[in-house]
Protein backbone atom coordinates (compact mmCIF):
# COMPACT_ATOMS: atom_id res chain seq x y z
CA MET A 1 9.84 8.79 -14.67
CA PRO A 2 11.06 6.79 -11.84
CA ALA A 3 10.02 8.01 -8.39
CA PRO A 4 13.16 8.82 -6.04
CA ARG A 5 14.53 5.72 -4.21
CA HIS A 6 13.64 6.76 -0.84
CA LEU A 7 9.94 7.11 -1.81
CA VAL A 8 9.70 3.82 -3.20
CA ASP A 9 11.32 2.40 -0.14
CA THR A 10 8.81 4.07 2.13
CA LEU A 11 6.00 2.70 -0.14
CA GLU A 12 7.54 -0.59 0.54
CA SER A 13 7.49 -0.20 4.22
CA VAL A 14 3.78 0.73 4.05
CA LEU A 15 3.06 -2.37 2.11
CA SER A 16 4.91 -4.45 4.47
CA LEU A 17 3.34 -3.19 7.37
CA TYR A 18 -0.15 -3.79 5.84
CA PHE A 19 0.55 -7.58 5.16
CA SER A 20 2.48 -8.11 8.37
CA ASN A 21 1.22 -10.21 11.36
CA CYS A 22 1.60 -7.44 13.93
CA ARG A 23 -1.47 -5.88 15.98
CA HIS A 24 -3.08 -2.72 14.62
CA LYS A 25 -1.22 -3.14 11.51
CA GLU A 26 -3.88 -1.34 9.32
CA ARG A 27 -3.64 1.78 11.81
CA ALA A 28 0.18 1.87 11.54
CA ALA A 29 0.02 1.41 7.76
CA PHE A 30 -2.54 4.06 7.39
CA ILE A 31 -0.50 6.71 9.47
CA LEU A 32 2.77 5.94 7.46
CA CYS A 33 0.65 6.19 4.17
CA ASP A 34 -0.20 9.52 5.01
CA GLU A 35 3.47 10.49 5.78
CA PHE A 36 4.20 8.82 2.44
CA VAL A 37 1.76 11.19 0.58
CA GLU A 38 3.28 14.32 2.35
CA VAL A 39 6.90 13.52 1.42
CA THR A 40 6.00 12.85 -2.11
CA CYS A 41 4.33 16.11 -2.49
CA ARG A 42 7.27 17.85 -0.86
CA GLU A 43 9.62 16.02 -3.12
CA LYS A 44 7.67 17.34 -6.24
CA VAL A 45 7.53 20.84 -5.02
CA LYS A 46 11.32 20.75 -4.13
CA LEU A 47 12.29 19.97 -7.74
CA ARG A 48 11.45 23.48 -8.51
CA HIS A 49 11.66 25.24 -5.04
CA ARG A 50 14.53 24.09 -3.19
CA ASN A 51 13.87 26.35 -0.23
CA LEU A 52 10.16 25.27 0.16
CA GLY A 53 9.87 26.50 3.75
CA ARG A 54 6.95 25.23 6.21
CA LEU A 55 3.53 24.33 4.44
CA ASN A 56 0.63 22.71 5.71
CA PHE A 57 -0.74 19.68 4.14
CA HIS A 58 -3.77 21.50 2.75
CA ASP A 59 -1.39 24.16 1.35
CA LEU A 60 0.91 21.51 0.06
CA LEU A 61 -1.44 19.70 -1.99
CA ARG A 62 -2.91 22.94 -3.48
CA HIS A 63 0.48 23.94 -4.37
CA ALA A 64 0.98 24.79 -8.10
CA GLU A 65 3.63 22.19 -8.48
CA VAL A 66 1.30 19.46 -7.21
CA GLY A 67 -2.10 20.93 -8.16
CA LEU A 68 -4.49 18.54 -6.04
CA ASP A 69 -7.82 20.21 -5.39
CA THR A 70 -8.67 19.07 -1.76
CA ALA A 71 -12.30 19.55 -2.64
CA THR A 72 -12.76 17.31 -5.80
CA GLY A 73 -10.87 14.66 -7.80
CA LEU A 74 -7.90 12.50 -6.06
CA GLY A 75 -7.24 15.39 -3.70
CA GLN A 76 -10.60 14.89 -1.90
CA PRO A 77 -9.85 11.36 -0.41
CA VAL A 78 -6.21 12.11 0.23
CA PHE A 79 -7.11 15.14 2.25
CA ALA A 80 -9.79 13.39 4.03
CA CYS A 81 -7.39 10.51 4.97
CA HIS A 82 -4.93 13.07 6.37
CA ASN A 83 -7.86 14.57 8.63
CA THR A 84 -8.65 11.00 9.77
CA ARG A 85 -5.12 10.38 10.40
CA ASN A 86 -4.75 13.75 12.56
CA ASP A 87 -7.91 12.38 14.72
CA ILE A 88 -6.40 9.28 15.26
CA GLN A 89 -3.01 10.78 16.29
CA HIS A 90 -4.04 13.62 18.20
CA ASN A 91 -7.73 13.34 19.31
CA ASN A 92 -8.68 9.71 19.45
CA PRO A 93 -5.55 7.53 20.21
CA ALA A 94 -7.77 4.39 20.20
CA ALA A 95 -9.25 4.87 16.92
CA THR A 96 -8.21 3.05 13.98
CA VAL A 97 -9.18 1.94 10.36
CA ASP A 98 -10.29 -1.33 8.94
CA GLY A 99 -8.42 -3.13 6.07
CA GLN A 100 -10.44 -1.77 3.23
CA HIS A 101 -10.12 1.70 4.28
CA CYS A 102 -6.28 1.26 4.65
CA ALA A 103 -6.13 -0.30 1.31
CA ASP A 104 -8.19 2.48 -0.34
CA ALA A 105 -5.63 5.09 1.15
CA ILE A 106 -2.77 3.15 0.01
CA MET A 107 -4.37 2.87 -3.53
CA ASP A 108 -4.59 6.76 -3.46
CA ALA A 109 -1.29 7.38 -2.55
CA VAL A 110 0.01 5.34 -5.02
CA GLU A 111 -2.07 7.71 -7.60
CA VAL A 112 -0.54 10.63 -5.97
CA LEU A 113 3.04 9.17 -6.55
CA GLU A 114 2.10 8.70 -10.31
CA HIS A 115 0.57 12.37 -10.20
CA CYS A 116 3.77 13.87 -9.08
CA PHE A 117 6.08 11.62 -11.03
CA PRO A 118 4.45 10.22 -14.11
CA GLY A 119 5.64 6.84 -15.03
CA ALA A 120 6.42 6.05 -11.35
CA LYS A 121 4.05 3.08 -11.14
CA GLU A 122 5.45 1.40 -14.31
CA ALA A 123 9.04 1.87 -13.01
CA LEU A 124 8.24 0.10 -9.57
CA PRO A 125 9.86 -3.11 -8.88
CA GLU A 126 7.93 -6.10 -9.97
CA LYS A 127 7.59 -7.45 -6.45
CA LEU A 128 5.92 -4.11 -5.46
CA LYS A 129 3.53 -4.23 -8.49
CA ILE A 130 2.44 -7.73 -7.73
CA THR A 131 1.90 -6.63 -3.99
CA LEU A 132 -0.19 -3.61 -5.02
CA ARG A 133 -2.18 -5.64 -7.31
CA VAL A 134 -3.32 -7.59 -4.17
CA MET A 135 -3.69 -4.55 -2.39
CA ARG A 136 -6.16 -3.08 -4.88
CA LEU A 137 -7.98 -6.56 -5.02
CA PHE A 138 -8.82 -5.77 -1.15
CA SER A 139 -9.54 -2.28 -1.70
CA GLN A 140 -13.24 -0.97 -2.78
CA GLN A 141 -11.87 -1.26 -6.30
CA GLY A 142 -11.82 -5.21 -5.86
CA ASP A 143 -14.25 -7.87 -6.88
CA PRO A 144 -15.60 -9.44 -3.46
CA ARG A 145 -15.99 -12.76 -5.38
CA GLN A 146 -12.15 -12.66 -6.42
CA GLN A 147 -11.05 -11.65 -2.94
CA THR A 148 -12.54 -14.80 -1.67
CA GLU A 149 -11.07 -16.86 -4.56
CA PHE A 150 -7.83 -15.43 -4.01
CA GLY A 151 -8.00 -16.06 -0.06
CA ASP A 152 -8.97 -19.66 -0.90
CA ALA A 153 -6.18 -20.00 -3.33
CA MET A 154 -3.39 -18.74 -0.82
CA GLN A 155 -4.48 -21.10 1.62
CA LYS A 156 -4.71 -24.21 -0.63
CA HIS A 157 -1.29 -23.25 -2.27
CA GLN A 158 1.58 -25.86 -1.77
CA TRP A 159 4.00 -23.31 -0.33
CA ARG A 160 6.30 -25.63 1.04
CA GLY A 161 8.06 -28.03 -1.78
CA VAL A 162 7.62 -31.63 -1.43
CA ARG A 163 11.50 -31.58 -0.25
CA GLU A 164 10.84 -29.17 2.28
CA GLN A 165 10.01 -31.24 5.20
CA ALA A 166 9.53 -29.70 8.72
CA ARG A 167 12.04 -30.47 11.32
CA GLN A 168 11.14 -32.20 14.51
CA ASN A 169 11.44 -29.05 16.66
CA GLU A 170 10.20 -26.48 14.00
CA VAL A 171 6.95 -24.57 14.40
CA ILE A 172 4.82 -24.75 11.45
CA VAL A 173 3.54 -21.59 10.04
CA ALA A 174 0.92 -21.54 7.31
CA PRO A 175 1.73 -18.59 4.77
CA GLY A 176 -1.77 -19.07 3.07
CA ASN A 177 -3.55 -17.89 6.17
CA ARG A 178 -4.30 -13.85 5.63
CA ALA A 179 -2.52 -12.94 8.72
CA ASN A 180 0.98 -14.72 7.50
CA TRP A 181 0.41 -13.37 3.94
CA GLY A 182 3.58 -11.09 4.53
CA LEU A 183 5.59 -14.28 4.49
CA VAL A 184 4.94 -14.75 0.94
CA ILE A 185 3.74 -11.34 -0.54
CA PRO A 186 6.20 -9.92 -1.99
CA SER A 187 8.80 -12.52 -1.42
CA GLU A 188 7.09 -15.24 -3.45
CA TYR A 189 5.61 -12.75 -6.02
CA ALA A 190 5.88 -14.81 -8.92
CA ARG A 191 3.82 -17.48 -7.47
CA VAL A 192 1.33 -14.95 -6.20
CA GLU A 193 1.08 -13.49 -9.52
CA ALA A 194 0.25 -16.84 -10.94
CA LEU A 195 -2.66 -17.17 -8.38
CA LEU A 196 -3.94 -13.69 -9.49
CA ASP A 197 -3.73 -14.60 -13.05
CA ARG A 198 -5.56 -17.96 -12.82
CA ILE A 199 -8.45 -16.10 -10.73
CA GLY A 200 -8.54 -13.24 -13.47
CA VAL A 201 -7.51 -10.36 -11.25
CA PRO A 202 -6.84 -7.25 -13.29
CA SER A 203 -3.18 -6.56 -13.84
CA PHE A 204 -1.63 -3.69 -12.20
């Protein structure tokens, strides 16, 4: 079943942050990802219990309507990420996470979405599927060789068309550089998909 629109919008915001060129993007995306998981679980519970009241994150995951065990399976890494997020926000404001840790958290969050709303992944817009395909490549699920090949392919790809010449006073930005991937993922998702296919990255 498709997930509620606001959940899909939040997921898109998480992905946009991760692939942006802003400072501490992984930290910001990681925190928003945790919020995404919490709201997703609350939406699932509220389908049966409109007046949910206050539940902490642990009890929300273990609620009968969600059914995630915080000690095993998907619930374990999701709960661990929540604890890390609490530490970042409340105990150690200078702390952050690296790109792979953040990518892992986002991929787990997508699985929570699918767990709560079966069929949600298949119903996602195509541009988000391609973006998540790249995300998974740079998580612990990805192949390091393919990570390197994809990075090289992104840099070498001719993003500007032959007729798209720079103006005299225009600042040239190279979308193929990792820091600028947000300029072409997911806006140029068809071309990104072609690069992924050429390298042999598994489909989403």
